[in-house]
């Protein structure tokens, strides 16, 4: 059977034996390229978040210490 696409011949199809085809060794896959860096540095994001939260916690703790000293 010939394969045509948009009026152009693209090749000849042939029947495939599924059992034999399943036993054939697969061709070696090409190595996948390493992923590109996203530009997101999660360590820096966590440090920044920690720095933002730390002064608030220290302020709250300082206020609690003053309240305890008043009693």
Protein backbone atom coordinates (compact mmCIF):
# COMPACT_ATOMS: atom_id res chain seq x y z
CA UNK A 1 0.00 0.00 0.00
CA UNK A 2 1.36 3.42 -0.92
CA UNK A 3 0.93 6.36 1.45
CA UNK A 4 -0.08 9.71 -0.02
CA UNK A 5 -0.46 13.03 1.77
CA UNK A 6 -1.80 16.12 0.03
CA UNK A 7 -1.30 14.44 -3.34
CA UNK A 8 2.37 13.49 -2.68
CA UNK A 9 3.64 9.94 -2.26
CA UNK A 10 5.36 9.53 1.12
CA UNK A 11 6.25 5.87 1.11
CA UNK A 12 5.01 2.32 1.12
CA UNK A 13 3.24 0.77 4.11
CA UNK A 14 3.85 -2.85 4.97
CA UNK A 15 2.11 -5.16 7.44
CA UNK A 16 3.75 -5.56 10.83
CA UNK A 17 3.70 -8.71 12.95
CA UNK A 18 3.01 -7.38 16.47
CA UNK A 19 4.55 -10.44 18.19
CA UNK A 20 7.82 -10.25 16.23
CA UNK A 21 7.90 -6.46 16.53
CA UNK A 22 7.57 -6.71 20.34
CA UNK A 23 10.60 -9.04 20.52
CA UNK A 24 12.92 -6.83 18.49
CA UNK A 25 15.46 -4.81 20.48
CA UNK A 26 14.64 -1.16 20.65
CA UNK A 27 16.95 1.34 19.09
CA UNK A 28 19.06 3.34 21.51
CA UNK A 29 17.31 6.49 22.55
CA UNK A 30 19.14 9.72 22.04
CA UNK A 31 20.25 11.22 25.34
CA UNK A 32 17.89 13.88 26.55
CA UNK A 33 19.49 17.27 26.94
CA UNK A 34 19.89 18.53 30.47
CA UNK A 35 17.10 20.88 31.48
CA UNK A 36 17.76 24.56 31.03
CA UNK A 37 18.00 26.59 34.22
CA UNK A 38 14.80 28.41 35.06
CA UNK A 39 16.51 31.36 36.67
CA UNK A 40 14.71 30.65 39.94
CA UNK A 41 16.99 30.21 42.93
CA UNK A 42 14.85 28.59 45.60
CA UNK A 43 17.51 28.95 48.30
CA UNK A 44 17.61 32.72 47.77
CA UNK A 45 13.81 32.88 47.81
CA UNK A 46 13.69 31.03 51.13
CA UNK A 47 16.40 33.23 52.64
CA UNK A 48 14.55 36.35 51.50
CA UNK A 49 11.28 35.08 52.98
CA UNK A 50 13.05 34.19 56.22
CA UNK A 51 14.59 37.67 56.43
CA UNK A 52 11.17 39.23 55.89
CA UNK A 53 9.56 37.12 58.62
CA UNK A 54 12.38 37.31 61.16
CA UNK A 55 12.02 41.03 62.11
CA UNK A 56 8.27 40.58 62.70
CA UNK A 57 8.85 37.60 64.96
CA UNK A 58 11.56 39.43 66.88
CA UNK A 59 9.26 42.44 67.27
CA UNK A 60 6.43 40.23 68.54
CA UNK A 61 8.78 38.46 70.94
CA UNK A 62 10.16 41.79 72.17
CA UNK A 63 6.60 43.03 72.83
CA UNK A 64 5.78 39.83 74.73
CA UNK A 65 8.92 40.25 76.88
CA UNK A 66 7.87 43.83 77.76
CA UNK A 67 4.40 42.62 78.72
CA UNK A 68 5.90 39.97 81.00
CA UNK A 69 8.18 42.52 82.66
CA UNK A 70 5.20 44.78 83.42
CA UNK A 71 3.53 42.04 85.45
